[in-house]
PDB file of all heavy atoms in Angstrom:
ATOM      1  N   ILE A   1      47.346 143.528 158.698  1.00  0.00           N
ATOM      2  CA  ILE A   1      47.424 142.579 159.808  1.00  0.00           C
ATOM      3  C   ILE A   1      48.504 143.058 160.759  1.00  0.00           C
ATOM      4  O   ILE A   1      49.650 143.268 160.354  1.00  0.00           O
ATOM      5  CB  ILE A   1      47.751 141.158 159.313  1.00  0.00           C
ATOM      6  CG1 ILE A   1      46.660 140.664 158.355  1.00  0.00           C
ATOM      7  CG2 ILE A   1      47.899 140.202 160.477  1.00  0.00           C
ATOM      8  CD1 ILE A   1      46.966 139.320 157.723  1.00  0.00           C
ATOM      9  N   MET A   2      48.140 143.279 162.000  1.00  0.00           N
ATOM     10  CA  MET A   2      49.098 143.756 162.992  1.00  0.00           C
ATOM     11  C   MET A   2      49.931 142.583 163.495  1.00  0.00           C
ATOM     12  O   MET A   2      49.440 141.729 164.245  1.00  0.00           O
ATOM     13  CB  MET A   2      48.373 144.433 164.163  1.00  0.00           C
ATOM     14  CG  MET A   2      47.597 145.664 163.745  1.00  0.00           C
ATOM     15  SD  MET A   2      48.659 146.889 162.940  1.00  0.00           S
ATOM     16  CE  MET A   2      47.450 148.103 162.440  1.00  0.00           C
ATOM     17  N   ARG A   3      51.177 142.513 163.046  1.00  0.00           N
ATOM     18  CA  ARG A   3      52.055 141.416 163.432  1.00  0.00           C
ATOM     19  C   ARG A   3      52.756 141.725 164.751  1.00  0.00           C
ATOM     20  O   ARG A   3      52.793 142.858 165.212  1.00  0.00           O
ATOM     21  CB  ARG A   3      53.092 141.174 162.334  1.00  0.00           C
ATOM     22  CG  ARG A   3      52.475 140.738 161.008  1.00  0.00           C
ATOM     23  CD  ARG A   3      53.520 140.558 159.946  1.00  0.00           C
ATOM     24  NE  ARG A   3      52.958 140.037 158.700  1.00  0.00           N
ATOM     25  CZ  ARG A   3      52.386 140.797 157.780  1.00  0.00           C
ATOM     26  NH1 ARG A   3      52.341 142.116 157.955  1.00  0.00           N
ATOM     27  NH2 ARG A   3      51.868 140.268 156.673  1.00  0.00           N
ATOM     28  N   GLN A   4      53.328 140.693 165.339  1.00  0.00           N
ATOM     29  CA  GLN A   4      54.103 140.796 166.576  1.00  0.00           C
ATOM     30  C   GLN A   4      53.287 141.437 167.703  1.00  0.00           C
ATOM     31  O   GLN A   4      53.788 142.227 168.501  1.00  0.00           O
ATOM     32  CB  GLN A   4      55.385 141.607 166.331  1.00  0.00           C
ATOM     33  CG  GLN A   4      56.312 140.958 165.319  1.00  0.00           C
ATOM     34  CD  GLN A   4      57.546 141.794 165.030  1.00  0.00           C
ATOM     35  OE1 GLN A   4      57.572 142.984 165.326  1.00  0.00           O
ATOM     36  NE2 GLN A   4      58.560 141.184 164.455  1.00  0.00           N
ATOM     37  N   THR A   5      52.015 141.098 167.738  1.00  0.00           N
ATOM     38  CA  THR A   5      51.161 141.591 168.827  1.00  0.00           C
ATOM     39  C   THR A   5      50.984 140.503 169.873  1.00  0.00           C
ATOM     40  O   THR A   5      51.178 139.319 169.607  1.00  0.00           O
ATOM     41  CB  THR A   5      49.788 142.025 168.287  1.00  0.00           C
ATOM     42  OG1 THR A   5      49.219 140.935 167.528  1.00  0.00           O
ATOM     43  CG2 THR A   5      49.905 143.249 167.400  1.00  0.00           C
ATOM     44  N   ASN A   6      50.591 140.896 171.066  1.00  0.00           N
ATOM     45  CA  ASN A   6      50.413 139.966 172.166  1.00  0.00           C
ATOM     46  C   ASN A   6      49.129 139.160 171.980  1.00  0.00           C
ATOM     47  O   ASN A   6      48.034 139.707 171.984  1.00  0.00           O
ATOM     48  CB  ASN A   6      50.350 140.742 173.491  1.00  0.00           C
ATOM     49  CG  ASN A   6      50.061 139.832 174.670  1.00  0.00           C
ATOM     50  OD1 ASN A   6      50.352 138.634 174.631  1.00  0.00           O
ATOM     51  ND2 ASN A   6      49.480 140.392 175.725  1.00  0.00           N
ATOM     52  N   LYS A   7      49.296 137.838 171.796  1.00  0.00           N
ATOM     53  CA  LYS A   7      48.137 136.967 171.649  1.00  0.00           C
ATOM     54  C   LYS A   7      48.082 135.901 172.736  1.00  0.00           C
ATOM     55  O   LYS A   7      47.294 134.961 172.662  1.00  0.00           O
ATOM     56  CB  LYS A   7      48.167 136.297 170.267  1.00  0.00           C
ATOM     57  CG  LYS A   7      48.045 137.283 169.108  1.00  0.00           C
ATOM     58  CD  LYS A   7      47.995 136.565 167.769  1.00  0.00           C
ATOM     59  CE  LYS A   7      47.856 137.565 166.633  1.00  0.00           C
ATOM     60  NZ  LYS A   7      47.807 136.905 165.299  1.00  0.00           N
ATOM     61  N   LYS A   8      48.934 136.050 173.766  1.00  0.00           N
ATOM     62  CA  LYS A   8      48.981 135.037 174.828  1.00  0.00           C
ATOM     63  C   LYS A   8      47.762 135.093 175.722  1.00  0.00           C
ATOM     64  O   LYS A   8      47.229 134.077 176.129  1.00  0.00           O
ATOM     65  CB  LYS A   8      50.259 135.228 175.656  1.00  0.00           C
ATOM     66  CG  LYS A   8      51.543 134.968 174.870  1.00  0.00           C
ATOM     67  CD  LYS A   8      52.771 135.168 175.747  1.00  0.00           C
ATOM     68  CE  LYS A   8      54.050 134.903 174.971  1.00  0.00           C
ATOM     69  NZ  LYS A   8      55.260 135.115 175.808  1.00  0.00           N
ATOM     70  N   HIS A   9      47.315 136.316 176.042  1.00  0.00           N
ATOM     71  CA  HIS A   9      46.180 136.460 176.939  1.00  0.00           C
ATOM     72  C   HIS A   9      44.880 136.312 176.165  1.00  0.00           C
ATOM     73  O   HIS A   9      44.719 136.853 175.075  1.00  0.00           O
ATOM     74  CB  HIS A   9      46.217 137.825 177.629  1.00  0.00           C
ATOM     75  CG  HIS A   9      45.366 137.889 178.861  1.00  0.00           C
ATOM     76  ND1 HIS A   9      43.986 137.947 178.816  1.00  0.00           N
ATOM     77  CD2 HIS A   9      45.698 137.896 180.183  1.00  0.00           C
ATOM     78  CE1 HIS A   9      43.509 137.994 180.033  1.00  0.00           C
ATOM     79  NE2 HIS A   9      44.527 137.967 180.893  1.00  0.00           N
ATOM     80  N   ALA A  10      43.933 135.578 176.726  1.00  0.00           N
ATOM     81  CA  ALA A  10      42.660 135.316 176.053  1.00  0.00           C
ATOM     82  C   ALA A  10      41.877 136.588 175.787  1.00  0.00           C
ATOM     83  O   ALA A  10      41.070 136.651 174.854  1.00  0.00           O
ATOM     84  CB  ALA A  10      41.812 134.356 176.895  1.00  0.00           C
ATOM     85  N   LYS A  11      42.105 137.625 176.606  1.00  0.00           N
ATOM     86  CA  LYS A  11      41.368 138.882 176.455  1.00  0.00           C
ATOM     87  C   LYS A  11      42.182 139.952 175.728  1.00  0.00           C
ATOM     88  O   LYS A  11      41.795 141.123 175.707  1.00  0.00           O
ATOM     89  CB  LYS A  11      40.941 139.410 177.828  1.00  0.00           C
ATOM     90  CG  LYS A  11      40.031 138.466 178.614  1.00  0.00           C
ATOM     91  CD  LYS A  11      38.735 138.180 177.839  1.00  0.00           C
ATOM     92  CE  LYS A  11      37.804 137.272 178.650  1.00  0.00           C
ATOM     93  NZ  LYS A  11      36.571 136.940 177.886  1.00  0.00           N
ATOM     94  N   SER A  12      43.293 139.549 175.140  1.00  0.00           N
ATOM     95  CA  SER A  12      44.102 140.512 174.404  1.00  0.00           C
ATOM     96  C   SER A  12      43.315 141.069 173.225  1.00  0.00           C
ATOM     97  O   SER A  12      42.551 140.358 172.563  1.00  0.00           O
ATOM     98  CB  SER A  12      45.390 139.848 173.900  1.00  0.00           C
ATOM     99  OG  SER A  12      46.068 140.687 172.993  1.00  0.00           O
ATOM    100  N   ALA A  13      43.504 142.360 172.931  1.00  0.00           N
ATOM    101  CA  ALA A  13      42.802 142.993 171.807  1.00  0.00           C
ATOM    102  C   ALA A  13      43.145 142.326 170.485  1.00  0.00           C
ATOM    103  O   ALA A  13      42.329 142.303 169.554  1.00  0.00           O
ATOM    104  CB  ALA A  13      43.151 144.477 171.748  1.00  0.00           C
ATOM    105  N   SER A  14      44.359 141.750 170.385  1.00  0.00           N
ATOM    106  CA  SER A  14      44.766 141.112 169.134  1.00  0.00           C
ATOM    107  C   SER A  14      44.015 139.804 168.891  1.00  0.00           C
ATOM    108  O   SER A  14      44.118 139.230 167.803  1.00  0.00           O
ATOM    109  CB  SER A  14      46.272 140.851 169.135  1.00  0.00           C
ATOM    110  OG  SER A  14      46.656 140.065 170.242  1.00  0.00           O
ATOM    111  N   ARG A  15      43.268 139.321 169.900  1.00  0.00           N
ATOM    112  CA  ARG A  15      42.458 138.116 169.724  1.00  0.00           C
ATOM    113  C   ARG A  15      40.973 138.440 169.672  1.00  0.00           C
ATOM    114  O   ARG A  15      40.141 137.536 169.526  1.00  0.00           O
ATOM    115  CB  ARG A  15      42.745 137.124 170.859  1.00  0.00           C
ATOM    116  CG  ARG A  15      44.171 136.610 170.869  1.00  0.00           C
ATOM    117  CD  ARG A  15      44.425 135.618 171.972  1.00  0.00           C
ATOM    118  NE  ARG A  15      43.651 134.395 171.832  1.00  0.00           N
ATOM    119  CZ  ARG A  15      43.764 133.343 172.644  1.00  0.00           C
ATOM    120  NH1 ARG A  15      44.634 133.376 173.637  1.00  0.00           N
ATOM    121  NH2 ARG A  15      43.023 132.285 172.468  1.00  0.00           N
ATOM    122  N   CYS A  16      40.630 139.701 169.814  1.00  0.00           N
ATOM    123  CA  CYS A  16      39.226 140.114 169.784  1.00  0.00           C
ATOM    124  C   CYS A  16      38.675 139.912 168.370  1.00  0.00           C
ATOM    125  O   CYS A  16      39.236 140.443 167.408  1.00  0.00           O
ATOM    126  CB  CYS A  16      39.098 141.580 170.195  1.00  0.00           C
ATOM    127  SG  CYS A  16      37.436 142.256 169.971  1.00  0.00           S
ATOM    128  N   PRO A  17      37.593 139.162 168.212  1.00  0.00           N
ATOM    129  CA  PRO A  17      37.077 138.902 166.861  1.00  0.00           C
ATOM    130  C   PRO A  17      36.648 140.170 166.128  1.00  0.00           C
ATOM    131  O   PRO A  17      36.764 140.247 164.902  1.00  0.00           O
ATOM    132  CB  PRO A  17      35.889 137.955 167.100  1.00  0.00           C
ATOM    133  CG  PRO A  17      35.546 138.117 168.546  1.00  0.00           C
ATOM    134  CD  PRO A  17      36.815 138.453 169.251  1.00  0.00           C
ATOM    135  N   ALA A  18      36.171 141.171 166.859  1.00  0.00           N
ATOM    136  CA  ALA A  18      35.768 142.429 166.215  1.00  0.00           C
ATOM    137  C   ALA A  18      36.986 143.155 165.653  1.00  0.00           C
ATOM    138  O   ALA A  18      36.942 143.704 164.545  1.00  0.00           O
ATOM    139  CB  ALA A  18      35.032 143.325 167.213  1.00  0.00           C
ATOM    140  N   VAL A  19      38.096 143.142 166.398  1.00  0.00           N
ATOM    141  CA  VAL A  19      39.325 143.782 165.929  1.00  0.00           C
ATOM    142  C   VAL A  19      39.893 143.035 164.734  1.00  0.00           C
ATOM    143  O   VAL A  19      40.270 143.637 163.717  1.00  0.00           O
ATOM    144  CB  VAL A  19      40.371 143.847 167.075  1.00  0.00           C
ATOM    145  CG1 VAL A  19      41.708 144.359 166.534  1.00  0.00           C
ATOM    146  CG2 VAL A  19      39.881 144.745 168.202  1.00  0.00           C
ATOM    147  N   VAL A  20      39.949 141.705 164.834  1.00  0.00           N
ATOM    148  CA  VAL A  20      40.476 140.877 163.743  1.00  0.00           C
ATOM    149  C   VAL A  20      39.644 141.057 162.482  1.00  0.00           C
ATOM    150  O   VAL A  20      40.164 141.189 161.373  1.00  0.00           O
ATOM    151  CB  VAL A  20      40.525 139.391 164.160  1.00  0.00           C
ATOM    152  CG1 VAL A  20      40.908 138.512 162.972  1.00  0.00           C
ATOM    153  CG2 VAL A  20      41.494 139.188 165.308  1.00  0.00           C
ATOM    154  N   GLN A  21      38.308 141.101 162.652  1.00  0.00           N
ATOM    155  CA  GLN A  21      37.412 141.271 161.515  1.00  0.00           C
ATOM    156  C   GLN A  21      37.635 142.626 160.836  1.00  0.00           C
ATOM    157  O   GLN A  21      37.693 142.724 159.610  1.00  0.00           O
ATOM    158  CB  GLN A  21      35.961 141.170 161.982  1.00  0.00           C
ATOM    159  CG  GLN A  21      34.924 141.388 160.919  1.00  0.00           C
ATOM    160  CD  GLN A  21      34.732 140.197 160.003  1.00  0.00           C
ATOM    161  OE1 GLN A  21      34.169 140.338 158.928  1.00  0.00           O
ATOM    162  NE2 GLN A  21      35.164 139.015 160.410  1.00  0.00           N
ATOM    163  N   MET A  22      37.788 143.672 161.642  1.00  0.00           N
ATOM    164  CA  MET A  22      37.994 145.004 161.093  1.00  0.00           C
ATOM    165  C   MET A  22      39.320 145.091 160.351  1.00  0.00           C
ATOM    166  O   MET A  22      39.382 145.560 159.209  1.00  0.00           O
ATOM    167  CB  MET A  22      37.945 146.055 162.209  1.00  0.00           C
ATOM    168  CG  MET A  22      38.024 147.506 161.733  1.00  0.00           C
ATOM    169  SD  MET A  22      39.708 148.119 161.420  1.00  0.00           S
ATOM    170  CE  MET A  22      40.371 148.177 163.079  1.00  0.00           C
ATOM    171  N   GLU A  23      40.391 144.620 160.966  1.00  0.00           N
ATOM    172  CA  GLU A  23      41.718 144.711 160.355  1.00  0.00           C
ATOM    173  C   GLU A  23      41.801 143.910 159.069  1.00  0.00           C
ATOM    174  O   GLU A  23      42.491 144.313 158.123  1.00  0.00           O
ATOM    175  CB  GLU A  23      42.786 144.243 161.345  1.00  0.00           C
ATOM    176  CG  GLU A  23      42.983 145.204 162.522  1.00  0.00           C
ATOM    177  CD  GLU A  23      44.059 144.728 163.481  1.00  0.00           C
ATOM    178  OE1 GLU A  23      44.528 143.580 163.322  1.00  0.00           O
ATOM    179  OE2 GLU A  23      44.424 145.498 164.386  1.00  0.00           O
ATOM    180  N   SER A  24      41.089 142.790 158.992  1.00  0.00           N
ATOM    181  CA  SER A  24      41.154 141.943 157.804  1.00  0.00           C
ATOM    182  C   SER A  24      40.490 142.584 156.600  1.00  0.00           C
ATOM    183  O   SER A  24      40.691 142.138 155.466  1.00  0.00           O
ATOM    184  CB  SER A  24      40.497 140.586 158.085  1.00  0.00           C
ATOM    185  OG  SER A  24      39.087 140.713 158.187  1.00  0.00           O
ATOM    186  N   ARG A  25      39.712 143.646 156.819  1.00  0.00           N
ATOM    187  CA  ARG A  25      38.966 144.270 155.728  1.00  0.00           C
ATOM    188  C   ARG A  25      39.633 145.532 155.190  1.00  0.00           C
ATOM    189  O   ARG A  25      39.063 146.211 154.345  1.00  0.00           O
ATOM    190  CB  ARG A  25      37.535 144.560 156.182  1.00  0.00           C
ATOM    191  CG  ARG A  25      36.742 143.286 156.372  1.00  0.00           C
ATOM    192  CD  ARG A  25      35.307 143.502 156.780  1.00  0.00           C
ATOM    193  NE  ARG A  25      34.608 142.227 156.762  1.00  0.00           N
ATOM    194  CZ  ARG A  25      34.002 141.709 155.702  1.00  0.00           C
ATOM    195  NH1 ARG A  25      34.022 142.372 154.556  1.00  0.00           N
ATOM    196  NH2 ARG A  25      33.403 140.549 155.756  1.00  0.00           N
ATOM    197  N   TYR A  26      40.818 145.855 155.687  1.00  0.00           N
ATOM    198  CA  TYR A  26      41.560 146.993 155.164  1.00  0.00           C
ATOM    199  C   TYR A  26      42.824 146.487 154.483  1.00  0.00           C
ATOM    200  O   TYR A  26      43.468 145.541 154.946  1.00  0.00           O
ATOM    201  CB  TYR A  26      41.943 147.964 156.291  1.00  0.00           C
ATOM    202  CG  TYR A  26      40.771 148.773 156.809  1.00  0.00           C
ATOM    203  CD1 TYR A  26      40.040 148.344 157.902  1.00  0.00           C
ATOM    204  CD2 TYR A  26      40.407 149.973 156.194  1.00  0.00           C
ATOM    205  CE1 TYR A  26      38.960 149.074 158.369  1.00  0.00           C
ATOM    206  CE2 TYR A  26      39.341 150.712 156.670  1.00  0.00           C
ATOM    207  CZ  TYR A  26      38.617 150.261 157.749  1.00  0.00           C
ATOM    208  OH  TYR A  26      37.547 150.992 158.206  1.00  0.00           O
ATOM    209  N   PHE A  27      43.165 147.133 153.382  1.00  0.00           N
ATOM    210  CA  PHE A  27      44.376 146.796 152.645  1.00  0.00           C
ATOM    211  C   PHE A  27      45.278 148.025 152.610  1.00  0.00           C
ATOM    212  O   PHE A  27      44.807 149.155 152.497  1.00  0.00           O
ATOM    213  CB  PHE A  27      44.041 146.324 151.230  1.00  0.00           C
ATOM    214  CG  PHE A  27      43.335 145.001 151.199  1.00  0.00           C
ATOM    215  CD1 PHE A  27      41.970 144.918 151.407  1.00  0.00           C
ATOM    216  CD2 PHE A  27      44.049 143.828 150.985  1.00  0.00           C
ATOM    217  CE1 PHE A  27      41.314 143.694 151.399  1.00  0.00           C
ATOM    218  CE2 PHE A  27      43.407 142.599 150.967  1.00  0.00           C
ATOM    219  CZ  PHE A  27      42.032 142.524 151.180  1.00  0.00           C
TER     220      PHE A  27
END
C-alpha cells in the first residue's frame, strides 16, 4: 500500500480503482 500519497484530487492516481486493486494484490 503506497502511503503518504496525494488523495485530495479526484483524478489522482492514488484514488484510481485500477491502481488500488493492483496494489492490494501484491505483498
